Amino acid sequence: MNDLAFSLDTVWMLLAAMLVFWMQPGFALCEAGFTRSKNTANILFKNFVDFILGSLLFWFLGFGFMFGSEGAGFIGAPNWGDLSFYGGDLPVEGFLMFETVFCATAATIVSGAMAERTKFSMYVIYSAAISLFIYPIEGHWTWGGGWLCSDAADGFMMSTFGTAFHDFAGSAIVHSVGGVLALIGAIALGPRRGKYAADGSSRAIPGHSLTWASLGVFILWLGWFGFNPGSQLAASGEVNRTAISHVFLTTNLAAVAGGLGTMAVTWIRYRKPSLSLTLNGVLAGLVGITAGCDLVSPVGAVIIGLLCGVVLVYSIEFIDHRLHIDDPVGASSVHGVCGILGTLLTGLLATDSGLLYGHGWGFLGAQAFGILVIDLWAAVCGVILFFTIKKVHGLRVDARIEEEGLDIYEHGEACYN
């Protein structure tokens, strides 16, 4: 029976890894659909590069940085491709693959916000930096057994808040980090040509295929059933079976509530329900529930999804119209703002420790502190990374390349001939 349980847990982890890997084409189609046809090959290529570089770098060094040194210190010890240091309960090769697809997700979030104007060579550099250092280090503080998630009685979190930071599947660790880096990258690049008029008003630059974007969101939605339930990392035993089923339900409820919230706001605000924004609303709900999908009730999941879907519309408007930051796919709002919101709402709505269930302010304080330090880390790294690249080599393509399309000039081929 022990062998059977071990095999079942391993197969579930690998199946979940496959589903999360399937999110890569989801991101590719979603980003390509929301941008113009002349840059489609460039967008698709970037999503391949994220996984190609992320897989190699995370296997060779990032896995050790994240899970080495038994959670001690600022960063784990580099593993140099050696996996023997890891002493977890499941096969290390399978666990590496599961963590690799999460790393690739964090990196690929950034590409959408910086689409249609970034040099491909510079994209390769910052994608590598995210997979090699930025994500593994903050992952070491949390999923690597580090100080943010430590439940040791003499640890900082327990002595300060009475509880550890909780992010079950990555609202903060994966999505908010990707969203913050996306925002910093978009600031460093500046807006696309023609995005803002002389009077400061924002001009819409429609993507070329809502069909592709819709298919991408459906694929991402499916992949999230590996992203969240798969983070249980076990399927055997009554507790684990119940937990996986619960996470499946809360994940789906938040997604549909997010889409419903965005659809309602756009219908009221713009007199017509917006498909493009509703697609992002579904993703907003999924991002928001990812932190607390194991702790909140089905009603709590609906509340989180609904709030994320509503906030998304105003966040996109504020970043675009007020801050004049050009994010073609809304990544900084979907992943950044809703990742932060979902992490904080977990502190309110967790049934066993949330403030609204009468458990005091400790858990909400831990969630607020955790998301603050994680996103400060991402922001500082993003500023150093993007503005150094901009200063040393240049981050943005020339005006003529941007006007005529990155596909031909950067890759010598196009998706549409």
Protein backbone atom coordinates (compact mmCIF):
# COMPACT_ATOMS: atom_id res chain seq x y z
CA MET A 1 0.00 0.00 0.00
CA ASN A 2 2.87 2.38 0.71
CA ASP A 3 4.36 1.69 -2.72
CA LEU A 4 0.98 2.26 -4.34
CA ALA A 5 0.49 5.54 -2.48
CA PHE A 6 4.00 6.69 -3.46
CA SER A 7 3.33 5.87 -7.12
CA LEU A 8 -0.05 7.62 -7.04
CA ASP A 9 1.43 10.76 -5.50
CA THR A 10 4.25 10.79 -8.06
CA VAL A 11 1.90 10.38 -11.02
CA TRP A 12 -0.38 13.13 -9.70
CA MET A 13 2.57 15.51 -9.32
CA LEU A 14 3.78 14.79 -12.87
CA LEU A 15 0.27 15.12 -14.31
CA ALA A 16 -0.08 18.48 -12.56
CA ALA A 17 3.31 19.52 -14.00
CA MET A 18 2.02 18.66 -17.49
CA LEU A 19 -1.04 20.85 -16.94
CA VAL A 20 1.09 23.76 -15.73
CA PHE A 21 3.39 23.31 -18.73
CA TRP A 22 0.24 23.51 -20.89
CA MET A 23 -0.16 27.05 -19.57
CA GLN A 24 2.82 28.11 -21.74
CA PRO A 25 0.82 27.83 -25.00
CA GLY A 26 -2.04 29.49 -23.13
CA PHE A 27 0.12 32.51 -22.36
CA ALA A 28 1.50 32.48 -25.91
CA LEU A 29 -1.93 32.53 -27.57
CA CYS A 30 -3.34 35.04 -25.09
CA GLU A 31 -0.46 37.49 -25.55
CA ALA A 32 -0.38 37.04 -29.31
CA GLY A 33 -4.12 37.62 -29.61
CA PHE A 34 -4.00 40.81 -27.56
CA THR A 35 -1.19 42.28 -29.71
CA ARG A 36 -0.84 43.14 -33.39
CA SER A 37 -0.28 40.56 -36.13
CA LYS A 38 3.07 42.03 -37.20
CA ASN A 39 4.60 40.92 -33.86
CA THR A 40 3.06 37.45 -33.54
CA ALA A 41 6.17 35.39 -34.27
CA ASN A 42 8.11 37.48 -31.77
CA ILE A 43 5.51 36.86 -29.04
CA LEU A 44 5.38 33.11 -29.69
CA PHE A 45 9.16 32.84 -29.79
CA LYS A 46 9.48 34.55 -26.40
CA ASN A 47 7.22 31.97 -24.78
CA PHE A 48 9.42 29.19 -26.13
CA VAL A 49 12.55 30.97 -24.89
CA ASP A 50 11.08 31.31 -21.39
CA PHE A 51 10.75 27.57 -21.06
CA ILE A 52 13.98 26.71 -22.87
CA LEU A 53 16.13 28.99 -20.70
CA GLY A 54 14.09 28.45 -17.55
CA SER A 55 14.41 24.67 -17.75
CA LEU A 56 18.18 24.69 -18.18
CA LEU A 57 19.01 27.44 -15.69
CA PHE A 58 16.60 26.25 -13.00
CA TRP A 59 17.94 22.67 -13.27
CA PHE A 60 21.57 23.78 -13.18
CA LEU A 61 21.48 26.49 -10.49
CA GLY A 62 18.03 27.86 -9.66
CA PHE A 63 16.78 24.65 -8.01
CA GLY A 64 19.66 24.81 -5.53
CA PHE A 65 19.18 28.53 -4.95
CA MET A 66 15.53 27.84 -4.12
CA PHE A 67 15.67 24.58 -2.16
CA GLY A 68 19.30 24.27 -1.03
CA SER A 69 20.75 24.91 2.44
CA GLU A 70 17.67 23.52 4.18
CA GLY A 71 15.89 26.87 4.02
CA ALA A 72 18.58 28.81 5.88
CA GLY A 73 19.83 32.25 4.90
CA PHE A 74 19.03 34.62 2.07
CA ILE A 75 19.64 32.15 -0.76
CA GLY A 76 20.19 28.41 -1.05
CA ALA A 77 23.45 26.82 -2.12
CA PRO A 78 23.95 26.35 -5.89
CA ASN A 79 23.53 22.73 -6.96
CA TRP A 80 25.43 22.86 -10.31
CA GLY A 81 23.03 20.36 -11.84
CA ASP A 82 23.39 17.88 -8.98
CA LEU A 83 20.01 16.85 -7.55
CA SER A 84 21.26 14.58 -4.77
CA PHE A 85 21.07 17.32 -2.13
CA TYR A 86 17.26 17.27 -2.08
CA GLY A 87 15.72 14.97 0.53
CA GLY A 88 11.99 15.35 -0.07
CA ASP A 89 9.41 12.57 0.02
CA LEU A 90 8.82 12.42 -3.75
CA PRO A 91 11.30 11.67 -6.58
CA VAL A 92 13.58 14.65 -6.98
CA GLU A 93 13.43 14.53 -10.79
CA GLY A 94 9.64 14.84 -10.73
CA PHE A 95 9.71 17.59 -8.12
CA LEU A 96 12.28 19.49 -10.19
CA MET A 97 9.99 19.30 -13.23
CA PHE A 98 7.03 20.51 -11.17
CA GLU A 99 9.00 23.49 -9.88
CA THR A 100 10.48 24.22 -13.32
CA VAL A 101 7.08 24.84 -14.90
CA PHE A 102 6.26 27.29 -12.09
CA CYS A 103 9.53 29.13 -12.70
CA ALA A 104 8.72 29.41 -16.42
CA THR A 105 5.30 30.84 -15.57
CA ALA A 106 6.84 33.64 -13.49
CA ALA A 107 9.16 34.55 -16.36
CA THR A 108 6.55 34.50 -19.14
CA ILE A 109 4.19 36.93 -17.37
CA VAL A 110 6.64 39.75 -18.11
CA SER A 111 6.68 39.31 -21.89
CA GLY A 112 3.08 40.46 -22.41
CA ALA A 113 3.55 43.84 -20.71
CA MET A 114 6.72 44.52 -22.70
CA ALA A 115 5.35 43.27 -26.02
CA GLU A 116 5.76 44.92 -29.43
CA ARG A 117 8.81 47.05 -28.63
CA THR A 118 11.49 45.01 -26.82
CA LYS A 119 14.74 43.79 -28.38
CA PHE A 120 14.68 40.01 -28.52
CA SER A 121 18.32 39.75 -27.42
CA MET A 122 17.58 41.80 -24.30
CA TYR A 123 14.51 39.70 -23.62
CA VAL A 124 16.74 36.63 -23.49
CA ILE A 125 18.91 38.33 -20.86
CA TYR A 126 16.16 39.41 -18.49
CA SER A 127 14.23 36.14 -18.88
CA ALA A 128 17.39 34.30 -17.83
CA ALA A 129 17.85 36.62 -14.83
CA ILE A 130 14.29 35.96 -13.62
CA SER A 131 14.69 32.18 -13.87
CA LEU A 132 18.18 32.12 -12.37
CA PHE A 133 18.03 34.61 -9.49
CA ILE A 134 14.92 36.71 -8.96
CA TYR A 135 12.34 33.94 -8.69
CA PRO A 136 14.49 31.28 -6.93
CA ILE A 137 15.63 33.65 -4.18
CA GLU A 138 12.19 34.80 -3.07
CA GLY A 139 11.02 31.23 -3.61
CA HIS A 140 13.72 30.17 -1.14
CA TRP A 141 12.21 32.46 1.51
CA THR A 142 8.83 30.79 1.04
CA TRP A 143 8.52 27.38 -0.62
CA GLY A 144 12.20 26.65 0.03
CA GLY A 145 11.56 26.50 3.77
CA GLY A 146 12.92 29.98 4.41
CA TRP A 147 12.10 32.62 6.96
CA LEU A 148 8.76 33.81 5.55
CA CYS A 149 7.09 30.41 5.74
CA SER A 150 8.95 29.05 8.75
CA ASP A 151 6.73 27.96 11.65
CA ALA A 152 9.66 27.71 14.09
CA ALA A 153 8.68 29.22 17.44
CA ASP A 154 11.79 31.43 17.55
CA GLY A 155 11.50 32.49 13.90
CA PHE A 156 10.74 36.06 12.83
CA MET A 157 7.23 35.39 11.49
CA MET A 158 6.05 33.37 14.49
CA SER A 159 7.49 35.77 17.03
CA THR A 160 6.10 38.83 15.20
CA PHE A 161 2.73 37.66 13.87
CA GLY A 162 2.17 34.33 15.58
CA THR A 163 1.87 32.60 12.20
CA ALA A 164 3.84 32.06 8.99
CA PHE A 165 3.13 33.59 5.59
CA HIS A 166 0.88 31.42 3.44
CA ASP A 167 0.84 31.22 -0.36
CA PHE A 168 -0.43 27.80 -1.38
CA ALA A 169 0.25 27.95 -5.11
CA GLY A 170 1.76 31.35 -5.90
CA SER A 171 -0.48 34.44 -5.93
CA ALA A 172 2.48 36.27 -4.43
CA ILE A 173 5.46 34.05 -5.18
CA VAL A 174 4.72 33.57 -8.89
CA HIS A 175 2.06 36.01 -10.07
CA SER A 176 2.68 39.20 -8.11
CA VAL A 177 6.42 38.91 -8.75
CA GLY A 178 5.76 38.52 -12.48
CA GLY A 179 3.28 41.41 -12.37
CA VAL A 180 5.65 43.77 -10.57
CA LEU A 181 8.49 42.93 -12.96
CA ALA A 182 6.08 43.47 -15.87
CA LEU A 183 5.18 46.94 -14.56
CA ILE A 184 8.82 47.96 -14.05
CA GLY A 185 9.73 46.65 -17.50
CA ALA A 186 6.89 48.58 -19.14
CA ILE A 187 8.02 51.76 -17.34
CA ALA A 188 11.61 51.26 -18.49
CA LEU A 189 10.51 50.71 -22.10
CA GLY A 190 8.00 53.51 -22.38
CA PRO A 191 4.72 53.30 -24.32
CA ARG A 192 4.30 52.01 -27.86
CA ARG A 193 4.41 54.61 -30.59
CA GLY A 194 1.02 56.28 -30.99
CA LYS A 195 -0.36 54.95 -27.70
CA TYR A 196 -0.80 58.39 -26.09
CA ALA A 197 -1.94 61.54 -27.86
CA ALA A 198 -0.36 64.97 -27.39
CA ASP A 199 -3.02 65.88 -24.83
CA GLY A 200 -2.19 62.77 -22.79
CA SER A 201 -5.29 60.78 -23.72
CA SER A 202 -4.89 57.05 -24.25
CA ARG A 203 -5.53 55.52 -27.65
CA ALA A 204 -6.66 51.92 -27.92
CA ILE A 205 -4.37 49.64 -29.94
CA PRO A 206 -6.54 46.56 -30.53
CA GLY A 207 -5.01 43.12 -30.71
CA HIS A 208 -5.36 41.15 -33.92
CA SER A 209 -7.27 38.07 -32.71
CA LEU A 210 -9.72 37.75 -29.85
CA THR A 211 -10.14 34.16 -31.04
CA TRP A 212 -6.54 33.38 -30.12
CA ALA A 213 -6.85 35.31 -26.86
CA SER A 214 -10.02 33.41 -25.91
CA LEU A 215 -8.44 30.04 -26.68
CA GLY A 216 -5.40 31.07 -24.65
CA VAL A 217 -7.53 31.89 -21.62
CA PHE A 218 -9.38 28.56 -21.86
CA ILE A 219 -6.01 26.78 -21.97
CA LEU A 220 -4.76 28.77 -18.97
CA TRP A 221 -7.96 27.96 -17.08
CA LEU A 222 -7.37 24.25 -17.70
CA GLY A 223 -3.72 24.57 -16.70
CA TRP A 224 -4.72 26.18 -13.42
CA PHE A 225 -6.28 22.86 -12.38
CA GLY A 226 -2.72 21.60 -12.26
CA PHE A 227 -1.29 24.81 -10.87
CA ASN A 228 -3.48 24.93 -7.74
CA PRO A 229 -4.57 21.36 -6.92
CA GLY A 230 -1.17 20.06 -7.99
CA SER A 231 0.50 22.16 -5.30
CA GLN A 232 -0.87 19.68 -2.75
CA LEU A 233 1.88 17.37 -4.15
CA ALA A 234 -0.03 14.29 -2.99
CA ALA A 235 -3.18 12.44 -4.02
CA SER A 236 -3.16 9.45 -1.67
CA GLY A 237 -4.82 9.49 1.72
CA GLU A 238 -8.22 10.80 2.65
CA VAL A 239 -6.92 14.25 3.65
CA ASN A 240 -5.10 14.80 0.37
CA ARG A 241 -8.00 13.57 -1.75
CA THR A 242 -10.33 15.94 0.04
CA ALA A 243 -7.86 18.82 -0.26
CA ILE A 244 -7.41 18.36 -4.01
CA SER A 245 -11.17 18.27 -4.59
CA HIS A 246 -11.66 21.38 -2.45
CA VAL A 247 -8.95 23.29 -4.33
CA PHE A 248 -10.47 22.28 -7.69
CA LEU A 249 -13.79 23.75 -6.58
CA THR A 250 -12.46 27.00 -5.13
CA THR A 251 -10.23 27.54 -8.17
CA ASN A 252 -13.12 27.21 -10.61
CA LEU A 253 -15.54 29.31 -8.53
CA ALA A 254 -13.05 32.17 -8.32
CA ALA A 255 -12.47 32.03 -12.08
CA VAL A 256 -16.15 32.26 -12.99
CA ALA A 257 -16.75 34.94 -10.36
CA GLY A 258 -13.84 36.96 -11.73
CA GLY A 259 -15.23 36.79 -15.25
CA LEU A 260 -18.71 37.68 -14.01
CA GLY A 261 -17.44 40.67 -12.01
CA THR A 262 -15.52 42.10 -14.95
CA MET A 263 -18.40 41.49 -17.37
CA ALA A 264 -20.83 43.31 -15.06
CA VAL A 265 -18.55 46.31 -14.52
CA THR A 266 -17.80 46.74 -18.23
CA TRP A 267 -21.48 46.36 -19.13
CA ILE A 268 -22.42 49.11 -16.67
CA ARG A 269 -19.41 51.33 -17.29
CA TYR A 270 -19.07 51.08 -21.07
CA ARG A 271 -22.70 50.17 -21.96
CA LYS A 272 -21.46 46.94 -23.57
CA PRO A 273 -19.90 43.82 -22.03
CA SER A 274 -16.24 43.61 -23.09
CA LEU A 275 -14.94 40.19 -24.14
CA SER A 276 -11.28 41.20 -23.95
CA LEU A 277 -11.61 42.55 -20.41
CA THR A 278 -13.77 39.61 -19.31
CA LEU A 279 -11.04 37.23 -20.48
CA ASN A 280 -8.64 39.06 -18.18
CA GLY A 281 -11.31 38.99 -15.46
CA VAL A 282 -11.29 35.18 -15.50
CA LEU A 283 -7.50 35.25 -15.15
CA ALA A 284 -7.79 37.82 -12.36
CA GLY A 285 -10.03 35.48 -10.38
CA LEU A 286 -7.63 32.59 -10.94
CA VAL A 287 -4.63 34.66 -9.81
CA GLY A 288 -6.48 35.92 -6.73
CA ILE A 289 -7.55 32.49 -5.46
CA THR A 290 -4.13 30.88 -5.93
CA ALA A 291 -2.79 31.95 -2.52
CA GLY A 292 -5.65 30.70 -0.38
CA CYS A 293 -7.43 28.10 -2.51
CA ASP A 294 -6.80 25.51 0.22
CA LEU A 295 -7.96 27.68 3.14
CA VAL A 296 -11.06 29.55 1.97
CA SER A 297 -14.60 28.22 1.66
CA PRO A 298 -16.45 28.09 -1.68
CA VAL A 299 -18.24 31.31 -0.70
CA GLY A 300 -14.87 32.88 0.11
CA ALA A 301 -13.57 31.82 -3.31
CA VAL A 302 -16.52 33.55 -5.02
CA ILE A 303 -15.86 36.73 -3.01
CA ILE A 304 -12.15 36.71 -3.92
CA GLY A 305 -12.85 36.11 -7.61
CA LEU A 306 -15.59 38.74 -7.75
CA LEU A 307 -13.45 41.41 -6.06
CA CYS A 308 -10.48 40.65 -8.30
CA GLY A 309 -12.67 40.84 -11.41
CA VAL A 310 -14.08 44.22 -10.37
CA VAL A 311 -10.77 45.71 -9.24
CA LEU A 312 -9.12 44.59 -12.48
CA VAL A 313 -11.14 47.02 -14.63
CA TYR A 314 -10.23 50.03 -12.49
CA SER A 315 -6.61 48.93 -12.19
CA ILE A 316 -6.18 48.69 -15.96
CA GLU A 317 -7.80 52.11 -16.39
CA PHE A 318 -5.62 53.69 -13.69
CA ILE A 319 -2.34 52.28 -15.00
CA ASP A 320 -3.17 53.22 -18.59
CA HIS A 321 -5.06 56.51 -18.31
CA ARG A 322 -3.53 57.99 -15.16
CA LEU A 323 0.00 56.60 -14.96
CA HIS A 324 0.42 56.38 -18.77
CA ILE A 325 2.14 53.00 -18.48
CA ASP A 326 1.51 50.95 -21.62
CA ASP A 327 0.79 47.30 -20.78
CA PRO A 328 -0.67 45.72 -23.94
CA VAL A 329 -2.13 42.64 -22.21
CA GLY A 330 -2.86 44.02 -18.74
CA ALA A 331 -0.30 41.72 -17.07
CA SER A 332 0.60 44.17 -14.31
CA SER A 333 -3.06 44.38 -13.28
CA VAL A 334 -4.01 40.71 -13.73
CA HIS A 335 -0.94 39.23 -12.08
CA GLY A 336 0.44 42.09 -9.99
CA VAL A 337 -2.59 43.85 -8.52
CA CYS A 338 -4.78 40.74 -8.27
CA GLY A 339 -1.91 38.65 -6.92
CA ILE A 340 -1.48 41.16 -4.11
CA LEU A 341 -5.23 41.41 -3.53
CA GLY A 342 -5.68 37.64 -3.40
CA THR A 343 -2.83 37.24 -0.92
CA LEU A 344 -4.35 39.85 1.40
CA LEU A 345 -7.89 38.48 1.07
CA THR A 346 -6.59 35.09 2.21
CA GLY A 347 -5.74 36.79 5.51
CA LEU A 348 -9.36 37.87 5.79
CA LEU A 349 -11.24 34.83 4.49
CA ALA A 350 -9.20 31.78 5.57
CA THR A 351 -11.68 29.72 7.58
CA ASP A 352 -9.14 28.52 10.15
CA SER A 353 -7.16 31.74 10.72
CA GLY A 354 -8.77 34.66 8.86
CA LEU A 355 -9.73 37.96 10.46
CA LEU A 356 -13.37 37.73 9.35
CA TYR A 357 -13.68 34.35 11.08
CA GLY A 358 -12.68 35.84 14.43
CA HIS A 359 -9.04 34.79 14.51
CA GLY A 360 -7.48 38.21 15.00
CA TRP A 361 -5.08 40.30 12.97
CA GLY A 362 -2.02 38.04 13.08
CA PHE A 363 -2.56 36.10 9.87
CA LEU A 364 -3.58 39.19 7.89
CA GLY A 365 -0.45 40.94 9.19
CA ALA A 366 1.71 38.00 8.09
CA GLN A 367 0.12 38.07 4.62
CA ALA A 368 0.61 41.83 4.28
CA PHE A 369 4.23 41.66 5.41
CA GLY A 370 4.98 38.69 3.15
CA ILE A 371 3.56 40.26 0.01
CA LEU A 372 5.36 43.52 0.83
CA VAL A 373 8.85 42.03 1.10
CA ILE A 374 8.36 39.70 -1.88
CA ASP A 375 7.22 42.51 -4.17
CA LEU A 376 9.84 44.93 -2.86
CA TRP A 377 12.43 42.33 -3.83
CA ALA A 378 10.89 42.04 -7.29
CA ALA A 379 10.69 45.83 -7.71
CA VAL A 380 14.30 46.47 -6.67
CA CYS A 381 15.57 43.65 -8.90
CA GLY A 382 13.40 44.89 -11.76
CA VAL A 383 14.70 48.46 -11.52
CA ILE A 384 18.32 47.28 -11.44
CA LEU A 385 17.83 44.76 -14.25
CA PHE A 386 15.77 46.74 -16.75
CA PHE A 387 17.38 50.14 -16.31
CA THR A 388 20.89 48.64 -16.43
CA ILE A 389 20.04 46.90 -19.72
CA LYS A 390 18.49 50.13 -21.00
CA LYS A 391 21.59 52.14 -20.09
CA VAL A 392 24.22 49.67 -21.30
CA HIS A 393 22.75 48.17 -24.45
CA GLY A 394 19.27 49.59 -24.98
CA LEU A 395 16.05 47.76 -24.22
CA ARG A 396 13.85 49.00 -27.05
CA VAL A 397 13.91 48.41 -30.80
CA ASP A 398 14.32 51.29 -33.24
CA ALA A 399 11.26 53.25 -34.31
CA ARG A 400 11.23 51.79 -37.83
CA ILE A 401 11.29 48.21 -36.50
CA GLU A 402 8.44 48.99 -34.13
CA GLU A 403 6.40 50.56 -36.92
CA GLU A 404 6.89 47.75 -39.43
CA GLY A 405 6.85 44.85 -36.97
CA LEU A 406 9.36 42.88 -34.95
CA ASP A 407 8.75 39.61 -36.80
CA ILE A 408 10.68 40.38 -39.98
CA TYR A 409 13.42 42.56 -38.45
CA GLU A 410 14.09 40.44 -35.35
CA HIS A 411 13.48 36.94 -36.77
CA GLY A 412 13.37 37.17 -40.55
CA GLU A 413 9.96 35.50 -40.73
CA ALA A 414 6.31 36.23 -40.01
CA CYS A 415 3.29 34.27 -38.88
CA TYR A 416 1.11 35.84 -41.59
CA ASN A 417 2.40 36.20 -45.13
